[in-house]
Amino acid sequence: MTHYLIDIRLMGSVKHQIRSLSNHLEEKFHLGKKLVVPHITLAGPFSTGDETKLVEDFTRICNNSKTIPKYEVGGYGFFDDTRVVYVTITPDEALKQFRYELSRAISPYCTLRDYDHDSLDEFRFHATLAMKLDWLTFRRIKWYFADQEQVIYRHHPIRATLLRNSKILCEYDFIQERMLTRAQALSRATRMRDFDILKVWDDGCWESG
């Protein structure tokens, strides 16, 4: 079965910070395949029988965004029932609205999870670090994080990504205000153009990595 996911791909300094944290967790707790590539999930994973409409709705919601969403990276959180460890994400109103409109648009024909149907203010934004942990390892990580400094960072969610079976199907660039193909999304030249634009804005949210 084909699986889809809509997320915000972490880029630049915040990506490197969280990747370093993931590597540290692997070394200390030997998590192996329980580690995941950190990202901010907006919807999914889900399936659908109408990929064409999915792309159309994703494109429409992205194009209709009048404000570039932003978020702040903060401390650590835990889902006790599923034994998930994550970095907390605080979205601004534009990001909350964007996520909400996406879920409402695709819910009639996509098999969304229960949490995807959460209201505007109930949805819990987060970047997963590890999941499917056994109970003891989960408790040890919770104890470990009690004494760790938070990951504090304010960042533009430069792109929203639609993935099919973990590969980029298309990606919307909020900075350049255009939809990218998979090749464009992975292009270093496209990424550097984003950072050049953010540098001109000079609002403290840009980085060159």
Foldseek 3Di string as FASTA:
>chain_A
DKWKFKWQQDDDPVQVVLVVVLVVCCVVLVQPPQFDRWIKTLWDRKDFPCVPVLVVQLLVLLLPQPDFKKKKWKAWDADVVFLWIWTFIGIDLSVLVSSLSSLVSCVVTIPTDPLSNDDSPPRTITITGGTNDDPVSSVVVVVVRVPDHMDTAIATSQKMFMDMPNATQWIAGNQVSDIGGSVLVPDPVNVQVSLVSVVVVVPRHHHRD
